[in-house]
Amino acid sequence: MARATLTPYLAGAGQKANLKQRVLADALRHFALAGGQKLRNFVALLSKLPRGLSEIRHAEKLARGMPNRPRAALTAPVTAAVPPEPAHSWRASWPKQQCPP
């Protein structure tokens, strides 16, 4: 699930994109097994991917370019996906016996 969420942030297409996806999967596996929990820490891991973490040749170089897009997403302003329900809503005015679930 995490890999599928982060894949759209990978730039490129074709063979290079496939290699980046493999490096991303290897990095996520390492991060999860190490008990990592915060996206900021994962982005930092990608920035300085340890040598030998992935079997992909030049994985460190491929990983260094990955964090820019997720980092930008982290710093983007957050907007509410669903506006809060007003205090006086249709649910509040609906008789309790007839209130739909």
PDB file of N, CA and C in Angstrom:
ATOM      1  N   MET A   1       0.827  -1.185   0.000  1.00  0.00           N
ATOM      2  CA  MET A   1       0.000   0.000   0.000  1.00  0.00           C
ATOM      3  C   MET A   1       0.877   1.258   0.000  1.00  0.00           C
ATOM      4  N   ALA A   2       1.907   1.294   0.825  1.00  0.00           N
ATOM      5  CA  ALA A   2       2.769   2.468   0.882  1.00  0.00           C
ATOM      6  C   ALA A   2       3.477   2.681  -0.437  1.00  0.00           C
ATOM      7  N   ARG A   3       3.926   1.604  -1.048  1.00  0.00           N
ATOM      8  CA  ARG A   3       4.609   1.722  -2.335  1.00  0.00           C
ATOM      9  C   ARG A   3       3.664   2.283  -3.392  1.00  0.00           C
ATOM     10  N   ALA A   4       2.440   1.793  -3.418  1.00  0.00           N
ATOM     11  CA  ALA A   4       1.458   2.281  -4.385  1.00  0.00           C
ATOM     12  C   ALA A   4       1.152   3.757  -4.164  1.00  0.00           C
ATOM     13  N   THR A   5       1.188   4.194  -2.921  1.00  0.00           N
ATOM     14  CA  THR A   5       0.938   5.595  -2.605  1.00  0.00           C
ATOM     15  C   THR A   5       2.082   6.482  -3.076  1.00  0.00           C
ATOM     16  N   LEU A   6       3.308   5.997  -2.934  1.00  0.00           N
ATOM     17  CA  LEU A   6       4.481   6.809  -3.277  1.00  0.00           C
ATOM     18  C   LEU A   6       4.870   6.725  -4.755  1.00  0.00           C
ATOM     19  N   THR A   7       4.452   5.697  -5.460  1.00  0.00           N
ATOM     20  CA  THR A   7       4.850   5.517  -6.857  1.00  0.00           C
ATOM     21  C   THR A   7       4.515   6.718  -7.741  1.00  0.00           C
ATOM     22  N   PRO A   8       3.360   7.379  -7.589  1.00  0.00           N
ATOM     23  CA  PRO A   8       3.093   8.537  -8.450  1.00  0.00           C
ATOM     24  C   PRO A   8       4.107   9.668  -8.294  1.00  0.00           C
ATOM     25  N   TYR A   9       4.845   9.691  -7.182  1.00  0.00           N
ATOM     26  CA  TYR A   9       5.839  10.732  -6.971  1.00  0.00           C
ATOM     27  C   TYR A   9       7.150  10.453  -7.708  1.00  0.00           C
ATOM     28  N   LEU A  10       7.280   9.281  -8.297  1.00  0.00           N
ATOM     29  CA  LEU A  10       8.494   8.958  -9.040  1.00  0.00           C
ATOM     30  C   LEU A  10       8.408   9.585 -10.426  1.00  0.00           C
ATOM     31  N   ALA A  11       9.449  10.289 -10.798  1.00  0.00           N
ATOM     32  CA  ALA A  11       9.479  10.899 -12.128  1.00  0.00           C
ATOM     33  C   ALA A  11      10.079   9.901 -13.114  1.00  0.00           C
ATOM     34  N   GLY A  12       9.713  10.036 -14.370  1.00  0.00           N
ATOM     35  CA  GLY A  12      10.312   9.207 -15.408  1.00  0.00           C
ATOM     36  C   GLY A  12       9.376   8.116 -15.882  1.00  0.00           C
ATOM     37  N   ALA A  13       9.853   7.424 -16.906  1.00  0.00           N
ATOM     38  CA  ALA A  13       9.074   6.338 -17.485  1.00  0.00           C
ATOM     39  C   ALA A  13      10.030   5.280 -18.014  1.00  0.00           C
ATOM     40  N   GLY A  14       9.481   4.142 -18.366  1.00  0.00           N
ATOM     41  CA  GLY A  14      10.277   3.087 -18.973  1.00  0.00           C
ATOM     42  C   GLY A  14      11.159   2.354 -17.976  1.00  0.00           C
ATOM     43  N   GLN A  15      12.321   1.911 -18.450  1.00  0.00           N
ATOM     44  CA  GLN A  15      13.239   1.109 -17.658  1.00  0.00           C
ATOM     45  C   GLN A  15      13.703   1.821 -16.388  1.00  0.00           C
ATOM     46  N   LYS A  16      14.006   3.111 -16.495  1.00  0.00           N
ATOM     47  CA  LYS A  16      14.472   3.862 -15.329  1.00  0.00           C
ATOM     48  C   LYS A  16      13.388   3.919 -14.250  1.00  0.00           C
ATOM     49  N   ALA A  17      12.142   4.104 -14.647  1.00  0.00           N
ATOM     50  CA  ALA A  17      11.039   4.136 -13.680  1.00  0.00           C
ATOM     51  C   ALA A  17      10.886   2.776 -13.002  1.00  0.00           C
ATOM     52  N   ASN A  18      11.076   1.692 -13.761  1.00  0.00           N
ATOM     53  CA  ASN A  18      10.991   0.351 -13.172  1.00  0.00           C
ATOM     54  C   ASN A  18      12.099   0.150 -12.138  1.00  0.00           C
ATOM     55  N   LEU A  19      13.297   0.618 -12.456  1.00  0.00           N
ATOM     56  CA  LEU A  19      14.406   0.511 -11.506  1.00  0.00           C
ATOM     57  C   LEU A  19      14.126   1.329 -10.246  1.00  0.00           C
ATOM     58  N   LYS A  20      13.578   2.528 -10.424  1.00  0.00           N
ATOM     59  CA  LYS A  20      13.241   3.371  -9.277  1.00  0.00           C
ATOM     60  C   LYS A  20      12.198   2.695  -8.394  1.00  0.00           C
ATOM     61  N   GLN A  21      11.224   2.026  -9.013  1.00  0.00           N
ATOM     62  CA  GLN A  21      10.202   1.328  -8.237  1.00  0.00           C
ATOM     63  C   GLN A  21      10.812   0.204  -7.409  1.00  0.00           C
ATOM     64  N   ARG A  22      11.779  -0.513  -7.989  1.00  0.00           N
ATOM     65  CA  ARG A  22      12.462  -1.579  -7.239  1.00  0.00           C
ATOM     66  C   ARG A  22      13.254  -1.008  -6.074  1.00  0.00           C
ATOM     67  N   VAL A  23      13.971   0.086  -6.323  1.00  0.00           N
ATOM     68  CA  VAL A  23      14.742   0.728  -5.249  1.00  0.00           C
ATOM     69  C   VAL A  23      13.791   1.224  -4.164  1.00  0.00           C
ATOM     70  N   LEU A  24      12.678   1.810  -4.566  1.00  0.00           N
ATOM     71  CA  LEU A  24      11.677   2.282  -3.613  1.00  0.00           C
ATOM     72  C   LEU A  24      11.159   1.124  -2.769  1.00  0.00           C
ATOM     73  N   ALA A  25      10.870  -0.006  -3.400  1.00  0.00           N
ATOM     74  CA  ALA A  25      10.378  -1.181  -2.673  1.00  0.00           C
ATOM     75  C   ALA A  25      11.432  -1.687  -1.689  1.00  0.00           C
ATOM     76  N   ASP A  26      12.690  -1.739  -2.110  1.00  0.00           N
ATOM     77  CA  ASP A  26      13.765  -2.184  -1.217  1.00  0.00           C
ATOM     78  C   ASP A  26      13.918  -1.234  -0.034  1.00  0.00           C
ATOM     79  N   ALA A  27      13.845   0.068  -0.304  1.00  0.00           N
ATOM     80  CA  ALA A  27      13.979   1.067   0.763  1.00  0.00           C
ATOM     81  C   ALA A  27      12.804   0.978   1.738  1.00  0.00           C
ATOM     82  N   LEU A  28      11.594   0.803   1.221  1.00  0.00           N
ATOM     83  CA  LEU A  28      10.416   0.675   2.085  1.00  0.00           C
ATOM     84  C   LEU A  28      10.511  -0.567   2.965  1.00  0.00           C
ATOM     85  N   ARG A  29      10.969  -1.672   2.378  1.00  0.00           N
ATOM     86  CA  ARG A  29      11.123  -2.907   3.133  1.00  0.00           C
ATOM     87  C   ARG A  29      12.113  -2.698   4.287  1.00  0.00           C
ATOM     88  N   HIS A  30      13.259  -2.091   3.974  1.00  0.00           N
ATOM     89  CA  HIS A  30      14.272  -1.815   4.990  1.00  0.00           C
ATOM     90  C   HIS A  30      13.713  -0.891   6.074  1.00  0.00           C
ATOM     91  N   PHE A  31      13.010   0.154   5.659  1.00  0.00           N
ATOM     92  CA  PHE A  31      12.444   1.143   6.580  1.00  0.00           C
ATOM     93  C   PHE A  31      11.437   0.484   7.518  1.00  0.00           C
ATOM     94  N   ALA A  32      10.562  -0.353   6.965  1.00  0.00           N
ATOM     95  CA  ALA A  32       9.536  -1.017   7.777  1.00  0.00           C
ATOM     96  C   ALA A  32      10.159  -2.002   8.763  1.00  0.00           C
ATOM     97  N   LEU A  33      11.132  -2.772   8.301  1.00  0.00           N
ATOM     98  CA  LEU A  33      11.777  -3.746   9.188  1.00  0.00           C
ATOM     99  C   LEU A  33      12.566  -3.068  10.301  1.00  0.00           C
ATOM    100  N   ALA A  34      13.045  -1.856  10.034  1.00  0.00           N
ATOM    101  CA  ALA A  34      13.786  -1.102  11.048  1.00  0.00           C
ATOM    102  C   ALA A  34      12.846  -0.371  12.009  1.00  0.00           C
ATOM    103  N   GLY A  35      11.533  -0.486  11.787  1.00  0.00           N
ATOM    104  CA  GLY A  35      10.563   0.149  12.678  1.00  0.00           C
ATOM    105  C   GLY A  35      10.261   1.594  12.331  1.00  0.00           C
ATOM    106  N   GLY A  36      10.625   2.023  11.115  1.00  0.00           N
ATOM    107  CA  GLY A  36      10.360   3.397  10.702  1.00  0.00           C
ATOM    108  C   GLY A  36       8.872   3.678  10.629  1.00  0.00           C
ATOM    109  N   GLN A  37       8.492   4.904  11.000  1.00  0.00           N
ATOM    110  CA  GLN A  37       7.074   5.245  11.017  1.00  0.00           C
ATOM    111  C   GLN A  37       6.740   6.560  10.333  1.00  0.00           C
ATOM    112  N   LYS A  38       7.669   7.497  10.295  1.00  0.00           N
ATOM    113  CA  LYS A  38       7.344   8.830   9.774  1.00  0.00           C
ATOM    114  C   LYS A  38       7.838   9.000   8.347  1.00  0.00           C
ATOM    115  N   LEU A  39       6.998   9.628   7.535  1.00  0.00           N
ATOM    116  CA  LEU A  39       7.348   9.851   6.137  1.00  0.00           C
ATOM    117  C   LEU A  39       8.605  10.709   6.016  1.00  0.00           C
ATOM    118  N   ARG A  40       8.769  11.664   6.894  1.00  0.00           N
ATOM    119  CA  ARG A  40       9.974  12.514   6.863  1.00  0.00           C
ATOM    120  C   ARG A  40      11.240  11.675   7.019  1.00  0.00           C
ATOM    121  N   ASN A  41      11.187  10.673   7.886  1.00  0.00           N
ATOM    122  CA  ASN A  41      12.349   9.813   8.079  1.00  0.00           C
ATOM    123  C   ASN A  41      12.601   8.942   6.844  1.00  0.00           C
ATOM    124  N   PHE A  42      11.539   8.523   6.195  1.00  0.00           N
ATOM    125  CA  PHE A  42      11.705   7.734   4.975  1.00  0.00           C
ATOM    126  C   PHE A  42      12.314   8.581   3.860  1.00  0.00           C
ATOM    127  N   VAL A  43      11.869   9.817   3.759  1.00  0.00           N
ATOM    128  CA  VAL A  43      12.434  10.737   2.764  1.00  0.00           C
ATOM    129  C   VAL A  43      13.922  10.943   3.040  1.00  0.00           C
ATOM    130  N   ALA A  44      14.288  11.057   4.308  1.00  0.00           N
ATOM    131  CA  ALA A  44      15.701  11.198   4.680  1.00  0.00           C
ATOM    132  C   ALA A  44      16.485   9.947   4.311  1.00  0.00           C
ATOM    133  N   LEU A  45      15.903   8.781   4.484  1.00  0.00           N
ATOM    134  CA  LEU A  45      16.556   7.531   4.098  1.00  0.00           C
ATOM    135  C   LEU A  45      16.828   7.514   2.600  1.00  0.00           C
ATOM    136  N   LEU A  46      15.851   7.939   1.814  1.00  0.00           N
ATOM    137  CA  LEU A  46      16.047   7.983   0.360  1.00  0.00           C
ATOM    138  C   LEU A  46      17.156   8.962  -0.022  1.00  0.00           C
ATOM    139  N   SER A  47      17.258  10.049   0.707  1.00  0.00           N
ATOM    140  CA  SER A  47      18.285  11.046   0.414  1.00  0.00           C
ATOM    141  C   SER A  47      19.686  10.488   0.607  1.00  0.00           C
ATOM    142  N   LYS A  48      19.828   9.609   1.566  1.00  0.00           N
ATOM    143  CA  LYS A  48      21.142   9.021   1.865  1.00  0.00           C
ATOM    144  C   LYS A  48      20.999   7.510   1.986  1.00  0.00           C
ATOM    145  N   LEU A  49      20.587   6.884   0.905  1.00  0.00           N
ATOM    146  CA  LEU A  49      20.372   5.438   0.899  1.00  0.00           C
ATOM    147  C   LEU A  49      21.688   4.710   1.178  1.00  0.00           C
ATOM    148  N   PRO A  50      21.716   3.849   2.197  1.00  0.00           N
ATOM    149  CA  PRO A  50      22.945   3.123   2.511  1.00  0.00           C
ATOM    150  C   PRO A  50      23.350   2.185   1.368  1.00  0.00           C
ATOM    151  N   ARG A  51      24.628   2.112   1.130  1.00  0.00           N
ATOM    152  CA  ARG A  51      25.157   1.223   0.094  1.00  0.00           C
ATOM    153  C   ARG A  51      24.810  -0.221   0.446  1.00  0.00           C
ATOM    154  N   GLY A  52      24.403  -0.968  -0.552  1.00  0.00           N
ATOM    155  CA  GLY A  52      24.091  -2.378  -0.345  1.00  0.00           C
ATOM    156  C   GLY A  52      22.666  -2.641   0.108  1.00  0.00           C
ATOM    157  N   LEU A  53      21.875  -1.592   0.300  1.00  0.00           N
ATOM    158  CA  LEU A  53      20.492  -1.784   0.727  1.00  0.00           C
ATOM    159  C   LEU A  53      19.668  -2.421  -0.388  1.00  0.00           C
ATOM    160  N   SER A  54      19.997  -2.107  -1.625  1.00  0.00           N
ATOM    161  CA  SER A  54      19.297  -2.648  -2.790  1.00  0.00           C
ATOM    162  C   SER A  54      20.299  -3.334  -3.701  1.00  0.00           C
ATOM    163  N   GLU A  55      19.842  -4.356  -4.385  1.00  0.00           N
ATOM    164  CA  GLU A  55      20.702  -5.050  -5.339  1.00  0.00           C
ATOM    165  C   GLU A  55      20.770  -4.328  -6.683  1.00  0.00           C
ATOM    166  N   ILE A  56      19.961  -3.307  -6.868  1.00  0.00           N
ATOM    167  CA  ILE A  56      19.947  -2.539  -8.113  1.00  0.00           C
ATOM    168  C   ILE A  56      21.240  -1.741  -8.214  1.00  0.00           C
ATOM    169  N   ARG A  57      21.878  -1.841  -9.373  1.00  0.00           N
ATOM    170  CA  ARG A  57      23.124  -1.109  -9.599  1.00  0.00           C
ATOM    171  C   ARG A  57      22.839   0.399  -9.575  1.00  0.00           C
ATOM    172  N   HIS A  58      23.658   1.133  -8.888  1.00  0.00           N
ATOM    173  CA  HIS A  58      23.523   2.595  -8.736  1.00  0.00           C
ATOM    174  C   HIS A  58      22.222   2.980  -8.027  1.00  0.00           C
ATOM    175  N   ALA A  59      21.773   2.134  -7.111  1.00  0.00           N
ATOM    176  CA  ALA A  59      20.529   2.406  -6.364  1.00  0.00           C
ATOM    177  C   ALA A  59      20.620   3.707  -5.588  1.00  0.00           C
ATOM    178  N   GLU A  60      21.806   3.996  -5.054  1.00  0.00           N
ATOM    179  CA  GLU A  60      21.974   5.214  -4.268  1.00  0.00           C
ATOM    180  C   GLU A  60      21.707   6.450  -5.124  1.00  0.00           C
ATOM    181  N   LYS A  61      22.196   6.413  -6.360  1.00  0.00           N
ATOM    182  CA  LYS A  61      21.999   7.549  -7.274  1.00  0.00           C
ATOM    183  C   LYS A  61      20.523   7.678  -7.648  1.00  0.00           C
ATOM    184  N   LEU A  62      19.874   6.563  -7.918  1.00  0.00           N
ATOM    185  CA  LEU A  62      18.450   6.592  -8.264  1.00  0.00           C
ATOM    186  C   LEU A  62      17.619   7.115  -7.084  1.00  0.00           C
ATOM    187  N   ALA A  63      17.982   6.696  -5.886  1.00  0.00           N
ATOM    188  CA  ALA A  63      17.214   7.093  -4.701  1.00  0.00           C
ATOM    189  C   ALA A  63      17.392   8.563  -4.367  1.00  0.00           C
ATOM    190  N   ARG A  64      18.559   9.124  -4.643  1.00  0.00           N
ATOM    191  CA  ARG A  64      18.799  10.534  -4.289  1.00  0.00           C
ATOM    192  C   ARG A  64      17.816  11.478  -4.954  1.00  0.00           C
ATOM    193  N   GLY A  65      17.356  11.174  -6.156  1.00  0.00           N
ATOM    194  CA  GLY A  65      16.417  12.055  -6.843  1.00  0.00           C
ATOM    195  C   GLY A  65      14.975  11.864  -6.426  1.00  0.00           C
ATOM    196  N   MET A  66      14.691  10.763  -5.756  1.00  0.00           N
ATOM    197  CA  MET A  66      13.298  10.463  -5.397  1.00  0.00           C
ATOM    198  C   MET A  66      12.689  11.386  -4.354  1.00  0.00           C
ATOM    199  N   PRO A  67      13.409  11.801  -3.319  1.00  0.00           N
ATOM    200  CA  PRO A  67      12.739  12.514  -2.223  1.00  0.00           C
ATOM    201  C   PRO A  67      12.230  13.898  -2.545  1.00  0.00           C
ATOM    202  N   ASN A  68      12.632  14.492  -3.636  1.00  0.00           N
ATOM    203  CA  ASN A  68      12.223  15.874  -3.906  1.00  0.00           C
ATOM    204  C   ASN A  68      10.713  16.026  -4.029  1.00  0.00           C
ATOM    205  N   ARG A  69      10.064  15.148  -4.750  1.00  0.00           N
ATOM    206  CA  ARG A  69       8.619  15.278  -4.935  1.00  0.00           C
ATOM    207  C   ARG A  69       7.834  14.973  -3.659  1.00  0.00           C
ATOM    208  N   PRO A  70       8.143  13.871  -2.928  1.00  0.00           N
ATOM    209  CA  PRO A  70       7.430  13.684  -1.655  1.00  0.00           C
ATOM    210  C   PRO A  70       7.730  14.790  -0.648  1.00  0.00           C
ATOM    211  N   ARG A  71       8.957  15.311  -0.658  1.00  0.00           N
ATOM    212  CA  ARG A  71       9.304  16.408   0.258  1.00  0.00           C
ATOM    213  C   ARG A  71       8.452  17.632  -0.067  1.00  0.00           C
ATOM    214  N   ALA A  72       8.248  17.903  -1.342  1.00  0.00           N
ATOM    215  CA  ALA A  72       7.397  19.027  -1.746  1.00  0.00           C
ATOM    216  C   ALA A  72       5.960  18.793  -1.287  1.00  0.00           C
ATOM    217  N   ALA A  73       5.506  17.554  -1.377  1.00  0.00           N
ATOM    218  CA  ALA A  73       4.152  17.239  -0.929  1.00  0.00           C
ATOM    219  C   ALA A  73       4.015  17.419   0.581  1.00  0.00           C
ATOM    220  N   LEU A  74       5.091  17.124   1.318  1.00  0.00           N
ATOM    221  CA  LEU A  74       5.060  17.292   2.768  1.00  0.00           C
ATOM    222  C   LEU A  74       4.959  18.753   3.177  1.00  0.00           C
ATOM    223  N   THR A  75       5.558  19.634   2.394  1.00  0.00           N
ATOM    224  CA  THR A  75       5.576  21.043   2.757  1.00  0.00           C
ATOM    225  C   THR A  75       4.413  21.823   2.153  1.00  0.00           C
ATOM    226  N   ALA A  76       3.622  21.185   1.291  1.00  0.00           N
ATOM    227  CA  ALA A  76       2.470  21.851   0.680  1.00  0.00           C
ATOM    228  C   ALA A  76       1.405  22.108   1.743  1.00  0.00           C
ATOM    229  N   PRO A  77       0.654  23.189   1.617  1.00  0.00           N
ATOM    230  CA  PRO A  77      -0.402  23.455   2.595  1.00  0.00           C
ATOM    231  C   PRO A  77      -1.465  22.359   2.553  1.00  0.00           C
ATOM    232  N   VAL A  78      -1.950  21.997   3.708  1.00  0.00           N
ATOM    233  CA  VAL A  78      -2.953  20.945   3.817  1.00  0.00           C
ATOM    234  C   VAL A  78      -4.329  21.583   3.839  1.00  0.00           C
ATOM    235  N   THR A  79      -5.224  21.064   3.017  1.00  0.00           N
ATOM    236  CA  THR A  79      -6.604  21.536   3.024  1.00  0.00           C
ATOM    237  C   THR A  79      -7.495  20.374   3.422  1.00  0.00           C
ATOM    238  N   ALA A  80      -8.558  20.672   4.093  1.00  0.00           N
ATOM    239  CA  ALA A  80      -9.471  19.623   4.530  1.00  0.00           C
ATOM    240  C   ALA A  80     -10.161  19.006   3.327  1.00  0.00           C
ATOM    241  N   ALA A  81     -10.169  17.696   3.267  1.00  0.00           N
ATOM    242  CA  ALA A  81     -10.827  16.992   2.173  1.00  0.00           C
ATOM    243  C   ALA A  81     -12.342  17.058   2.329  1.00  0.00           C
ATOM    244  N   VAL A  82     -12.789  17.016   3.566  1.00  0.00           N
ATOM    245  CA  VAL A  82     -14.221  17.076   3.848  1.00  0.00           C
ATOM    246  C   VAL A  82     -14.445  18.229   4.820  1.00  0.00           C
ATOM    247  N   PRO A  83     -15.243  19.204   4.436  1.00  0.00           N
ATOM    248  CA  PRO A  83     -15.477  20.317   5.358  1.00  0.00           C
ATOM    249  C   PRO A  83     -16.198  19.836   6.612  1.00  0.00           C
ATOM    250  N   PRO A  84     -15.914  20.446   7.741  1.00  0.00           N
ATOM    251  CA  PRO A  84     -16.597  20.033   8.966  1.00  0.00           C
ATOM    252  C   PRO A  84     -18.098  20.297   8.866  1.00  0.00           C
ATOM    253  N   GLU A  85     -18.864  19.425   9.485  1.00  0.00           N
ATOM    254  CA  GLU A  85     -20.317  19.562   9.457  1.00  0.00           C
ATOM    255  C   GLU A  85     -20.727  20.698  10.386  1.00  0.00           C
ATOM    256  N   PRO A  86     -21.575  21.609   9.929  1.00  0.00           N
ATOM    257  CA  PRO A  86     -21.988  22.715  10.790  1.00  0.00           C
ATOM    258  C   PRO A  86     -22.738  22.206  12.018  1.00  0.00           C
ATOM    259  N   ALA A  87     -22.724  23.008  13.066  1.00  0.00           N
ATOM    260  CA  ALA A  87     -23.372  22.612  14.321  1.00  0.00           C
ATOM    261  C   ALA A  87     -24.854  22.327  14.101  1.00  0.00           C
ATOM    262  N   HIS A  88     -25.497  23.141  13.288  1.00  0.00           N
ATOM    263  CA  HIS A  88     -26.911  22.908  13.002  1.00  0.00           C
ATOM    264  C   HIS A  88     -26.994  22.306  11.604  1.00  0.00           C
ATOM    265  N   SER A  89     -27.088  21.017  11.542  1.00  0.00           N
ATOM    266  CA  SER A  89     -27.164  20.337  10.255  1.00  0.00           C
ATOM    267  C   SER A  89     -28.503  19.629  10.140  1.00  0.00           C
ATOM    268  N   TRP A  90     -28.701  18.982   9.023  1.00  0.00           N
ATOM    269  CA  TRP A  90     -29.949  18.250   8.830  1.00  0.00           C
ATOM    270  C   TRP A  90     -30.068  17.127   9.855  1.00  0.00           C
ATOM    271  N   ARG A  91     -28.925  16.545  10.297  1.00  0.00           N
ATOM    272  CA  ARG A  91     -28.982  15.480  11.302  1.00  0.00           C
ATOM    273  C   ARG A  91     -29.474  16.032  12.644  1.00  0.00           C
ATOM    274  N   ALA A  92     -29.034  17.235  12.980  1.00  0.00           N
ATOM    275  CA  ALA A  92     -29.436  17.820  14.256  1.00  0.00           C
ATOM    276  C   ALA A  92     -30.926  18.156  14.262  1.00  0.00           C
ATOM    277  N   SER A  93     -31.478  18.515  13.100  1.00  0.00           N
ATOM    278  CA  SER A  93     -32.890  18.896  13.044  1.00  0.00           C
ATOM    279  C   SER A  93     -33.808  17.706  12.760  1.00  0.00           C
ATOM    280  N   TRP A  94     -33.255  16.554  12.425  1.00  0.00           N
ATOM    281  CA  TRP A  94     -34.041  15.373  12.088  1.00  0.00           C
ATOM    282  C   TRP A  94     -34.534  14.721  13.384  1.00  0.00           C
ATOM    283  N   PRO A  95     -35.810  14.346  13.441  1.00  0.00           N
ATOM    284  CA  PRO A  95     -36.303  13.670  14.658  1.00  0.00           C
ATOM    285  C   PRO A  95     -35.504  12.382  14.918  1.00  0.00           C
ATOM    286  N   LYS A  96     -35.181  12.117  16.168  1.00  0.00           N
ATOM    287  CA  LYS A  96     -34.328  10.995  16.510  1.00  0.00           C
ATOM    288  C   LYS A  96     -34.911   9.649  16.058  1.00  0.00           C
ATOM    289  N   GLN A  97     -36.222   9.495  16.105  1.00  0.00           N
ATOM    290  CA  GLN A  97     -36.825   8.230  15.706  1.00  0.00           C
ATOM    291  C   GLN A  97     -36.641   7.978  14.204  1.00  0.00           C
ATOM    292  N   GLN A  98     -36.584   9.025  13.393  1.00  0.00           N
ATOM    293  CA  GLN A  98     -36.529   8.878  11.952  1.00  0.00           C
ATOM    294  C   GLN A  98     -35.130   9.116  11.392  1.00  0.00           C
ATOM    295  N   CYS A  99     -34.162   9.363  12.222  1.00  0.00           N
ATOM    296  CA  CYS A  99     -32.812   9.687  11.777  1.00  0.00           C
ATOM    297  C   CYS A  99     -32.185   8.483  11.067  1.00  0.00           C
ATOM    298  N   PRO A 100     -31.771   8.662   9.805  1.00  0.00           N
ATOM    299  CA  PRO A 100     -31.143   7.549   9.089  1.00  0.00           C
ATOM    300  C   PRO A 100     -29.773   7.251   9.690  1.00  0.00           C
ATOM    301  N   PRO A 101     -29.274   6.032   9.518  1.00  0.00           N
ATOM    302  CA  PRO A 101     -27.981   5.667  10.121  1.00  0.00           C
ATOM    303  C   PRO A 101     -26.823   6.445   9.549  1.00  0.00           C
TER     304      PRO A 101
END
